[in-house]
Amino acid sequence: MDDNYVKKNPKKVGIKLLNRDYCPAFVHLEKNQRLQDLINDHRPFLPVYFMTEVKDTINYRCVMINKKSIESIQEWRQDDIPLIDENIKSKKILD
């Protein structure tokens, strides 16, 4: 494995933007990092991943969101939306 590789943990979140849009998404946290740490760090943009399904293929789209445009962010419970694995045919999350 690459020495520069850092294993991160995906967390399901709901992001409410200042324009009142609501985005279900995934963020990736480093080991022992909290969502609060990610939001309050020095970087102005938050990389988030949106999950979509096209036919039987699940795709992720990375989008950089300016933290100043976020009204609130909340971690979702385990059963709110499915995590992707080989046993799940995910429902469509985003259009």
PDB file of N, CA and C in Angstrom:
ATOM      1  N   MET A   1       0.841  -1.175   0.000  1.00  0.00           N
ATOM      2  CA  MET A   1       0.000   0.000   0.000  1.00  0.00           C
ATOM      3  C   MET A   1       0.888   1.241   0.000  1.00  0.00           C
ATOM      4  N   ASP A   2       0.448   2.284  -0.628  1.00  0.00           N
ATOM      5  CA  ASP A   2       1.175   3.534  -0.723  1.00  0.00           C
ATOM      6  C   ASP A   2       1.384   4.148   0.666  1.00  0.00           C
ATOM      7  N   ASP A   3       2.589   4.623   0.940  1.00  0.00           N
ATOM      8  CA  ASP A   3       2.885   5.242   2.241  1.00  0.00           C
ATOM      9  C   ASP A   3       2.105   6.528   2.466  1.00  0.00           C
ATOM     10  N   ASN A   4       1.658   7.163   1.387  1.00  0.00           N
ATOM     11  CA  ASN A   4       0.911   8.419   1.495  1.00  0.00           C
ATOM     12  C   ASN A   4      -0.587   8.190   1.648  1.00  0.00           C
ATOM     13  N   TYR A   5      -1.016   6.957   1.583  1.00  0.00           N
ATOM     14  CA  TYR A   5      -2.440   6.635   1.678  1.00  0.00           C
ATOM     15  C   TYR A   5      -2.919   6.807   3.121  1.00  0.00           C
ATOM     16  N   VAL A   6      -4.032   7.502   3.289  1.00  0.00           N
ATOM     17  CA  VAL A   6      -4.639   7.679   4.603  1.00  0.00           C
ATOM     18  C   VAL A   6      -6.036   7.095   4.547  1.00  0.00           C
ATOM     19  N   LYS A   7      -6.287   6.062   5.341  1.00  0.00           N
ATOM     20  CA  LYS A   7      -7.611   5.450   5.368  1.00  0.00           C
ATOM     21  C   LYS A   7      -8.583   6.420   6.023  1.00  0.00           C
ATOM     22  N   LYS A   8      -9.709   6.611   5.364  1.00  0.00           N
ATOM     23  CA  LYS A   8     -10.723   7.519   5.889  1.00  0.00           C
ATOM     24  C   LYS A   8     -12.037   6.768   6.037  1.00  0.00           C
ATOM     25  N   ASN A   9     -12.862   7.265   6.921  1.00  0.00           N
ATOM     26  CA  ASN A   9     -14.153   6.648   7.199  1.00  0.00           C
ATOM     27  C   ASN A   9     -15.274   7.461   6.565  1.00  0.00           C
ATOM     28  N   PRO A  10     -16.086   6.837   5.696  1.00  0.00           N
ATOM     29  CA  PRO A  10     -17.214   7.581   5.125  1.00  0.00           C
ATOM     30  C   PRO A  10     -18.301   7.782   6.176  1.00  0.00           C
ATOM     31  N   LYS A  11     -18.848   8.975   6.212  1.00  0.00           N
ATOM     32  CA  LYS A  11     -19.963   9.301   7.111  1.00  0.00           C
ATOM     33  C   LYS A  11     -21.096   9.873   6.285  1.00  0.00           C
ATOM     34  N   LYS A  12     -22.285   9.368   6.540  1.00  0.00           N
ATOM     35  CA  LYS A  12     -23.474   9.890   5.858  1.00  0.00           C
ATOM     36  C   LYS A  12     -23.912  11.159   6.576  1.00  0.00           C
ATOM     37  N   VAL A  13     -24.139  12.222   5.810  1.00  0.00           N
ATOM     38  CA  VAL A  13     -24.545  13.484   6.398  1.00  0.00           C
ATOM     39  C   VAL A  13     -25.697  14.095   5.606  1.00  0.00           C
ATOM     40  N   GLY A  14     -26.398  14.986   6.271  1.00  0.00           N
ATOM     41  CA  GLY A  14     -27.383  15.833   5.614  1.00  0.00           C
ATOM     42  C   GLY A  14     -26.878  17.257   5.709  1.00  0.00           C
ATOM     43  N   ILE A  15     -26.783  17.938   4.567  1.00  0.00           N
ATOM     44  CA  ILE A  15     -26.259  19.301   4.528  1.00  0.00           C
ATOM     45  C   ILE A  15     -27.386  20.238   4.132  1.00  0.00           C
ATOM     46  N   LYS A  16     -27.638  21.235   4.967  1.00  0.00           N
ATOM     47  CA  LYS A  16     -28.625  22.257   4.669  1.00  0.00           C
ATOM     48  C   LYS A  16     -27.867  23.522   4.287  1.00  0.00           C
ATOM     49  N   LEU A  17     -28.103  24.010   3.072  1.00  0.00           N
ATOM     50  CA  LEU A  17     -27.396  25.185   2.575  1.00  0.00           C
ATOM     51  C   LEU A  17     -28.171  26.460   2.919  1.00  0.00           C
ATOM     52  N   LEU A  18     -27.494  27.586   2.827  1.00  0.00           N
ATOM     53  CA  LEU A  18     -28.129  28.868   3.142  1.00  0.00           C
ATOM     54  C   LEU A  18     -29.306  29.180   2.222  1.00  0.00           C
ATOM     55  N   ASN A  19     -29.273  28.655   0.987  1.00  0.00           N
ATOM     56  CA  ASN A  19     -30.391  28.889   0.062  1.00  0.00           C
ATOM     57  C   ASN A  19     -31.548  27.918   0.306  1.00  0.00           C
ATOM     58  N   ARG A  20     -31.464  27.153   1.406  1.00  0.00           N
ATOM     59  CA  ARG A  20     -32.491  26.209   1.869  1.00  0.00           C
ATOM     60  C   ARG A  20     -32.491  24.884   1.122  1.00  0.00           C
ATOM     61  N   ASP A  21     -31.552  24.657   0.199  1.00  0.00           N
ATOM     62  CA  ASP A  21     -31.426  23.339  -0.419  1.00  0.00           C
ATOM     63  C   ASP A  21     -30.926  22.354   0.628  1.00  0.00           C
ATOM     64  N   TYR A  22     -31.373  21.106   0.520  1.00  0.00           N
ATOM     65  CA  TYR A  22     -30.945  20.059   1.438  1.00  0.00           C
ATOM     66  C   TYR A  22     -30.265  18.964   0.631  1.00  0.00           C
ATOM     67  N   CYS A  23     -29.082  18.558   1.045  1.00  0.00           N
ATOM     68  CA  CYS A  23     -28.285  17.598   0.290  1.00  0.00           C
ATOM     69  C   CYS A  23     -27.899  16.410   1.158  1.00  0.00           C
ATOM     70  N   PRO A  24     -28.398  15.217   0.875  1.00  0.00           N
ATOM     71  CA  PRO A  24     -27.835  14.030   1.519  1.00  0.00           C
ATOM     72  C   PRO A  24     -26.519  13.690   0.821  1.00  0.00           C
ATOM     73  N   ALA A  25     -25.487  13.392   1.598  1.00  0.00           N
ATOM     74  CA  ALA A  25     -24.175  13.174   1.000  1.00  0.00           C
ATOM     75  C   ALA A  25     -23.299  12.344   1.938  1.00  0.00           C
ATOM     76  N   PHE A  26     -22.082  12.092   1.483  1.00  0.00           N
ATOM     77  CA  PHE A  26     -21.057  11.422   2.285  1.00  0.00           C
ATOM     78  C   PHE A  26     -19.869  12.364   2.421  1.00  0.00           C
ATOM     79  N   VAL A  27     -19.252  12.366   3.587  1.00  0.00           N
ATOM     80  CA  VAL A  27     -17.955  13.015   3.785  1.00  0.00           C
ATOM     81  C   VAL A  27     -17.009  11.929   4.300  1.00  0.00           C
ATOM     82  N   HIS A  28     -15.730  12.162   4.140  1.00  0.00           N
ATOM     83  CA  HIS A  28     -14.741  11.190   4.597  1.00  0.00           C
ATOM     84  C   HIS A  28     -13.917  11.796   5.721  1.00  0.00           C
ATOM     85  N   LEU A  29     -13.919  11.137   6.866  1.00  0.00           N
ATOM     86  CA  LEU A  29     -13.190  11.604   8.037  1.00  0.00           C
ATOM     87  C   LEU A  29     -11.969  10.724   8.273  1.00  0.00           C
ATOM     88  N   GLU A  30     -10.884  11.354   8.720  1.00  0.00           N
ATOM     89  CA  GLU A  30      -9.706  10.592   9.088  1.00  0.00           C
ATOM     90  C   GLU A  30      -9.968   9.868  10.407  1.00  0.00           C
ATOM     91  N   LYS A  31      -9.111   8.906  10.715  1.00  0.00           N
ATOM     92  CA  LYS A  31      -9.261   8.156  11.957  1.00  0.00           C
ATOM     93  C   LYS A  31      -9.280   9.125  13.145  1.00  0.00           C
ATOM     94  N   ASN A  32     -10.234   8.956  14.032  1.00  0.00           N
ATOM     95  CA  ASN A  32     -10.416   9.785  15.228  1.00  0.00           C
ATOM     96  C   ASN A  32     -10.814  11.230  14.928  1.00  0.00           C
ATOM     97  N   GLN A  33     -11.165  11.546  13.688  1.00  0.00           N
ATOM     98  CA  GLN A  33     -11.625  12.891  13.357  1.00  0.00           C
ATOM     99  C   GLN A  33     -13.142  12.950  13.497  1.00  0.00           C
ATOM    100  N   ARG A  34     -13.631  14.057  14.022  1.00  0.00           N
ATOM    101  CA  ARG A  34     -15.076  14.250  14.152  1.00  0.00           C
ATOM    102  C   ARG A  34     -15.570  15.137  13.023  1.00  0.00           C
ATOM    103  N   LEU A  35     -16.861  15.072  12.748  1.00  0.00           N
ATOM    104  CA  LEU A  35     -17.457  15.939  11.732  1.00  0.00           C
ATOM    105  C   LEU A  35     -17.210  17.401  12.091  1.00  0.00           C
ATOM    106  N   GLN A  36     -17.323  17.737  13.353  1.00  0.00           N
ATOM    107  CA  GLN A  36     -17.086  19.098  13.830  1.00  0.00           C
ATOM    108  C   GLN A  36     -15.665  19.557  13.496  1.00  0.00           C
ATOM    109  N   ASP A  37     -14.687  18.655  13.613  1.00  0.00           N
ATOM    110  CA  ASP A  37     -13.301  18.997  13.279  1.00  0.00           C
ATOM    111  C   ASP A  37     -13.169  19.338  11.803  1.00  0.00           C
ATOM    112  N   LEU A  38     -13.834  18.582  10.955  1.00  0.00           N
ATOM    113  CA  LEU A  38     -13.779  18.807   9.515  1.00  0.00           C
ATOM    114  C   LEU A  38     -14.396  20.151   9.156  1.00  0.00           C
ATOM    115  N   ILE A  39     -15.511  20.469   9.761  1.00  0.00           N
ATOM    116  CA  ILE A  39     -16.201  21.732   9.465  1.00  0.00           C
ATOM    117  C   ILE A  39     -15.386  22.932   9.950  1.00  0.00           C
ATOM    118  N   ASN A  40     -14.721  22.801  11.080  1.00  0.00           N
ATOM    119  CA  ASN A  40     -14.015  23.939  11.678  1.00  0.00           C
ATOM    120  C   ASN A  40     -12.539  24.038  11.314  1.00  0.00           C
ATOM    121  N   ASP A  41     -12.054  23.193  10.409  1.00  0.00           N
ATOM    122  CA  ASP A  41     -10.643  23.316  10.046  1.00  0.00           C
ATOM    123  C   ASP A  41     -10.432  24.530   9.131  1.00  0.00           C
ATOM    124  N   HIS A  42      -9.199  24.791   8.758  1.00  0.00           N
ATOM    125  CA  HIS A  42      -8.828  26.010   8.030  1.00  0.00           C
ATOM    126  C   HIS A  42      -9.256  26.030   6.565  1.00  0.00           C
ATOM    127  N   ARG A  43      -9.606  24.898   6.007  1.00  0.00           N
ATOM    128  CA  ARG A  43      -9.926  24.842   4.574  1.00  0.00           C
ATOM    129  C   ARG A  43     -11.288  25.468   4.291  1.00  0.00           C
ATOM    130  N   PRO A  44     -11.397  26.300   3.251  1.00  0.00           N
ATOM    131  CA  PRO A  44     -12.667  26.976   2.967  1.00  0.00           C
ATOM    132  C   PRO A  44     -13.710  26.095   2.273  1.00  0.00           C
ATOM    133  N   PHE A  45     -13.280  24.974   1.685  1.00  0.00           N
ATOM    134  CA  PHE A  45     -14.207  24.115   0.956  1.00  0.00           C
ATOM    135  C   PHE A  45     -14.283  22.735   1.590  1.00  0.00           C
ATOM    136  N   LEU A  46     -15.459  22.144   1.516  1.00  0.00           N
ATOM    137  CA  LEU A  46     -15.715  20.816   2.065  1.00  0.00           C
ATOM    138  C   LEU A  46     -15.961  19.851   0.902  1.00  0.00           C
ATOM    139  N   PRO A  47     -15.117  18.827   0.737  1.00  0.00           N
ATOM    140  CA  PRO A  47     -15.395  17.839  -0.309  1.00  0.00           C
ATOM    141  C   PRO A  47     -16.498  16.887   0.154  1.00  0.00           C
ATOM    142  N   VAL A  48     -17.556  16.801  -0.616  1.00  0.00           N
ATOM    143  CA  VAL A  48     -18.658  15.889  -0.301  1.00  0.00           C
ATOM    144  C   VAL A  48     -18.908  15.002  -1.516  1.00  0.00           C
ATOM    145  N   TYR A  49     -19.480  13.839  -1.260  1.00  0.00           N
ATOM    146  CA  TYR A  49     -19.729  12.861  -2.313  1.00  0.00           C
ATOM    147  C   TYR A  49     -21.216  12.565  -2.369  1.00  0.00           C
ATOM    148  N   PHE A  50     -21.796  12.753  -3.550  1.00  0.00           N
ATOM    149  CA  PHE A  50     -23.198  12.442  -3.766  1.00  0.00           C
ATOM    150  C   PHE A  50     -23.299  11.088  -4.443  1.00  0.00           C
ATOM    151  N   MET A  51     -24.241  10.271  -4.001  1.00  0.00           N
ATOM    152  CA  MET A  51     -24.435   8.937  -4.542  1.00  0.00           C
ATOM    153  C   MET A  51     -25.625   8.951  -5.488  1.00  0.00           C
ATOM    154  N   THR A  52     -25.446   8.396  -6.671  1.00  0.00           N
ATOM    155  CA  THR A  52     -26.538   8.256  -7.629  1.00  0.00           C
ATOM    156  C   THR A  52     -26.519   6.841  -8.187  1.00  0.00           C
ATOM    157  N   GLU A  53     -27.664   6.415  -8.665  1.00  0.00           N
ATOM    158  CA  GLU A  53     -27.769   5.101  -9.290  1.00  0.00           C
ATOM    159  C   GLU A  53     -28.264   5.276 -10.711  1.00  0.00           C
ATOM    160  N   VAL A  54     -27.559   4.673 -11.644  1.00  0.00           N
ATOM    161  CA  VAL A  54     -27.973   4.650 -13.041  1.00  0.00           C
ATOM    162  C   VAL A  54     -28.078   3.192 -13.430  1.00  0.00           C
ATOM    163  N   LYS A  55     -29.293   2.743 -13.704  1.00  0.00           N
ATOM    164  CA  LYS A  55     -29.590   1.332 -13.910  1.00  0.00           C
ATOM    165  C   LYS A  55     -29.123   0.564 -12.683  1.00  0.00           C
ATOM    166  N   ASP A  56     -28.195  -0.374 -12.820  1.00  0.00           N
ATOM    167  CA  ASP A  56     -27.711  -1.139 -11.665  1.00  0.00           C
ATOM    168  C   ASP A  56     -26.329  -0.694 -11.203  1.00  0.00           C
ATOM    169  N   THR A  57     -25.885   0.466 -11.664  1.00  0.00           N
ATOM    170  CA  THR A  57     -24.565   0.962 -11.314  1.00  0.00           C
ATOM    171  C   THR A  57     -24.679   2.130 -10.350  1.00  0.00           C
ATOM    172  N   ILE A  58     -23.906   2.082  -9.281  1.00  0.00           N
ATOM    173  CA  ILE A  58     -23.902   3.161  -8.300  1.00  0.00           C
ATOM    174  C   ILE A  58     -22.678   4.026  -8.549  1.00  0.00           C
ATOM    175  N   ASN A  59     -22.903   5.325  -8.643  1.00  0.00           N
ATOM    176  CA  ASN A  59     -21.836   6.270  -8.922  1.00  0.00           C
ATOM    177  C   ASN A  59     -21.737   7.291  -7.795  1.00  0.00           C
ATOM    178  N   TYR A  60     -20.531   7.806  -7.608  1.00  0.00           N
ATOM    179  CA  TYR A  60     -20.297   8.879  -6.656  1.00  0.00           C
ATOM    180  C   TYR A  60     -19.777  10.090  -7.416  1.00  0.00           C
ATOM    181  N   ARG A  61     -20.262  11.247  -7.037  1.00  0.00           N
ATOM    182  CA  ARG A  61     -19.821  12.491  -7.652  1.00  0.00           C
ATOM    183  C   ARG A  61     -19.267  13.370  -6.531  1.00  0.00           C
ATOM    184  N   CYS A  62     -18.028  13.791  -6.678  1.00  0.00           N
ATOM    185  CA  CYS A  62     -17.402  14.649  -5.671  1.00  0.00           C
ATOM    186  C   CYS A  62     -17.682  16.106  -6.019  1.00  0.00           C
ATOM    187  N   VAL A  63     -18.141  16.852  -5.028  1.00  0.00           N
ATOM    188  CA  VAL A  63     -18.424  18.274  -5.195  1.00  0.00           C
ATOM    189  C   VAL A  63     -17.766  19.013  -4.037  1.00  0.00           C
ATOM    190  N   MET A  64     -17.155  20.128  -4.338  1.00  0.00           N
ATOM    191  CA  MET A  64     -16.559  20.976  -3.302  1.00  0.00           C
ATOM    192  C   MET A  64     -17.579  22.052  -2.942  1.00  0.00           C
ATOM    193  N   ILE A  65     -17.977  22.087  -1.670  1.00  0.00           N
ATOM    194  CA  ILE A  65     -18.958  23.062  -1.206  1.00  0.00           C
ATOM    195  C   ILE A  65     -18.253  24.090  -0.335  1.00  0.00           C
ATOM    196  N   ASN A  66     -18.489  25.363  -0.628  1.00  0.00           N
ATOM    197  CA  ASN A  66     -17.929  26.424   0.192  1.00  0.00           C
ATOM    198  C   ASN A  66     -18.565  26.350   1.576  1.00  0.00           C
ATOM    199  N   LYS A  67     -17.745  26.269   2.613  1.00  0.00           N
ATOM    200  CA  LYS A  67     -18.275  26.127   3.969  1.00  0.00           C
ATOM    201  C   LYS A  67     -19.133  27.315   4.380  1.00  0.00           C
ATOM    202  N   LYS A  68     -18.898  28.489   3.795  1.00  0.00           N
ATOM    203  CA  LYS A  68     -19.698  29.678   4.114  1.00  0.00           C
ATOM    204  C   LYS A  68     -21.133  29.546   3.607  1.00  0.00           C
ATOM    205  N   SER A  69     -21.379  28.610   2.682  1.00  0.00           N
ATOM    206  CA  SER A  69     -22.731  28.430   2.145  1.00  0.00           C
ATOM    207  C   SER A  69     -23.523  27.370   2.916  1.00  0.00           C
ATOM    208  N   ILE A  70     -22.912  26.778   3.942  1.00  0.00           N
ATOM    209  CA  ILE A  70     -23.574  25.727   4.720  1.00  0.00           C
ATOM    210  C   ILE A  70     -24.245  26.337   5.950  1.00  0.00           C
ATOM    211  N   GLU A  71     -25.550  26.112   6.064  1.00  0.00           N
ATOM    212  CA  GLU A  71     -26.276  26.550   7.254  1.00  0.00           C
ATOM    213  C   GLU A  71     -26.106  25.553   8.391  1.00  0.00           C
ATOM    214  N   SER A  72     -26.247  24.261   8.063  1.00  0.00           N
ATOM    215  CA  SER A  72     -26.061  23.220   9.076  1.00  0.00           C
ATOM    216  C   SER A  72     -25.659  21.923   8.397  1.00  0.00           C
ATOM    217  N   ILE A  73     -25.030  21.064   9.192  1.00  0.00           N
ATOM    218  CA  ILE A  73     -24.659  19.732   8.710  1.00  0.00           C
ATOM    219  C   ILE A  73     -24.870  18.767   9.871  1.00  0.00           C
ATOM    220  N   GLN A  74     -25.404  17.611   9.547  1.00  0.00           N
ATOM    221  CA  GLN A  74     -25.750  16.652  10.596  1.00  0.00           C
ATOM    222  C   GLN A  74     -25.428  15.249  10.123  1.00  0.00           C
ATOM    223  N   GLU A  75     -24.804  14.466  10.990  1.00  0.00           N
ATOM    224  CA  GLU A  75     -24.526  13.074  10.664  1.00  0.00           C
ATOM    225  C   GLU A  75     -25.824  12.279  10.739  1.00  0.00           C
ATOM    226  N   TRP A  76     -26.028  11.393   9.764  1.00  0.00           N
ATOM    227  CA  TRP A  76     -27.235  10.579   9.729  1.00  0.00           C
ATOM    228  C   TRP A  76     -27.016   9.297  10.503  1.00  0.00           C
ATOM    229  N   ARG A  77     -28.106   8.759  11.026  1.00  0.00           N
ATOM    230  CA  ARG A  77     -28.044   7.465  11.689  1.00  0.00           C
ATOM    231  C   ARG A  77     -27.764   6.370  10.657  1.00  0.00           C
ATOM    232  N   GLN A  78     -27.346   5.228  11.123  1.00  0.00           N
ATOM    233  CA  GLN A  78     -26.978   4.101  10.255  1.00  0.00           C
ATOM    234  C   GLN A  78     -28.108   3.680   9.322  1.00  0.00           C
ATOM    235  N   ASP A  79     -29.357   3.736   9.776  1.00  0.00           N
ATOM    236  CA  ASP A  79     -30.469   3.222   8.964  1.00  0.00           C
ATOM    237  C   ASP A  79     -31.175   4.295   8.145  1.00  0.00           C
ATOM    238  N   ASP A  80     -30.676   5.531   8.116  1.00  0.00           N
ATOM    239  CA  ASP A  80     -31.344   6.582   7.358  1.00  0.00           C
ATOM    240  C   ASP A  80     -31.208   6.397   5.850  1.00  0.00           C
ATOM    241  N   ILE A  81     -29.997   6.121   5.372  1.00  0.00           N
ATOM    242  CA  ILE A  81     -29.804   5.774   3.963  1.00  0.00           C
ATOM    243  C   ILE A  81     -28.822   4.622   3.911  1.00  0.00           C
ATOM    244  N   PRO A  82     -28.908   3.792   2.890  1.00  0.00           N
ATOM    245  CA  PRO A  82     -28.053   2.607   2.865  1.00  0.00           C
ATOM    246  C   PRO A  82     -26.612   2.937   2.518  1.00  0.00           C
ATOM    247  N   LEU A  83     -25.685   2.238   3.156  1.00  0.00           N
ATOM    248  CA  LEU A  83     -24.305   2.264   2.707  1.00  0.00           C
ATOM    249  C   LEU A  83     -24.187   1.313   1.532  1.00  0.00           C
ATOM    250  N   ILE A  84     -23.223   1.527   0.695  1.00  0.00           N
ATOM    251  CA  ILE A  84     -23.068   0.710  -0.499  1.00  0.00           C
ATOM    252  C   ILE A  84     -22.240  -0.525  -0.165  1.00  0.00           C
ATOM    253  N   ASP A  85     -22.776  -1.673  -0.491  1.00  0.00           N
ATOM    254  CA  ASP A  85     -21.974  -2.890  -0.472  1.00  0.00           C
ATOM    255  C   ASP A  85     -22.531  -3.824  -1.525  1.00  0.00           C
ATOM    256  N   GLU A  86     -21.940  -4.977  -1.667  1.00  0.00           N
ATOM    257  CA  GLU A  86     -22.333  -5.867  -2.759  1.00  0.00           C
ATOM    258  C   GLU A  86     -23.742  -6.432  -2.591  1.00  0.00           C
ATOM    259  N   ASN A  87     -24.324  -6.348  -1.412  1.00  0.00           N
ATOM    260  CA  ASN A  87     -25.648  -6.908  -1.175  1.00  0.00           C
ATOM    261  C   ASN A  87     -26.781  -5.904  -1.330  1.00  0.00           C
ATOM    262  N   ILE A  88     -26.454  -4.644  -1.558  1.00  0.00           N
ATOM    263  CA  ILE A  88     -27.491  -3.611  -1.601  1.00  0.00           C
ATOM    264  C   ILE A  88     -27.669  -3.110  -3.019  1.00  0.00           C
ATOM    265  N   LYS A  89     -28.879  -3.111  -3.508  1.00  0.00           N
ATOM    266  CA  LYS A  89     -29.231  -2.416  -4.722  1.00  0.00           C
ATOM    267  C   LYS A  89     -29.826  -1.095  -4.250  1.00  0.00           C
ATOM    268  N   SER A  90     -29.013  -0.053  -4.226  1.00  0.00           N
ATOM    269  CA  SER A  90     -29.386   1.205  -3.601  1.00  0.00           C
ATOM    270  C   SER A  90     -30.529   1.878  -4.348  1.00  0.00           C
ATOM    271  N   LYS A  91     -31.404   2.511  -3.578  1.00  0.00           N
ATOM    272  CA  LYS A  91     -32.429   3.332  -4.202  1.00  0.00           C
ATOM    273  C   LYS A  91     -31.796   4.625  -4.679  1.00  0.00           C
ATOM    274  N   LYS A  92     -32.445   5.300  -5.589  1.00  0.00           N
ATOM    275  CA  LYS A  92     -31.908   6.541  -6.117  1.00  0.00           C
ATOM    276  C   LYS A  92     -31.985   7.601  -5.037  1.00  0.00           C
ATOM    277  N   ILE A  93     -30.856   8.236  -4.725  1.00  0.00           N
ATOM    278  CA  ILE A  93     -30.798   9.257  -3.691  1.00  0.00           C
ATOM    279  C   ILE A  93     -30.966  10.651  -4.296  1.00  0.00           C
ATOM    280  N   LEU A  94     -30.267  10.919  -5.384  1.00  0.00           N
ATOM    281  CA  LEU A  94     -30.330  12.217  -6.044  1.00  0.00           C
ATOM    282  C   LEU A  94     -30.720  12.047  -7.497  1.00  0.00           C
ATOM    283  N   ASP A  95     -31.328  13.067  -8.062  1.00  0.00           N
ATOM    284  CA  ASP A  95     -31.646  13.054  -9.509  1.00  0.00           C
ATOM    285  C   ASP A  95     -30.425  13.386 -10.322  1.00  0.00           C
TER     286      ASP A  95
END
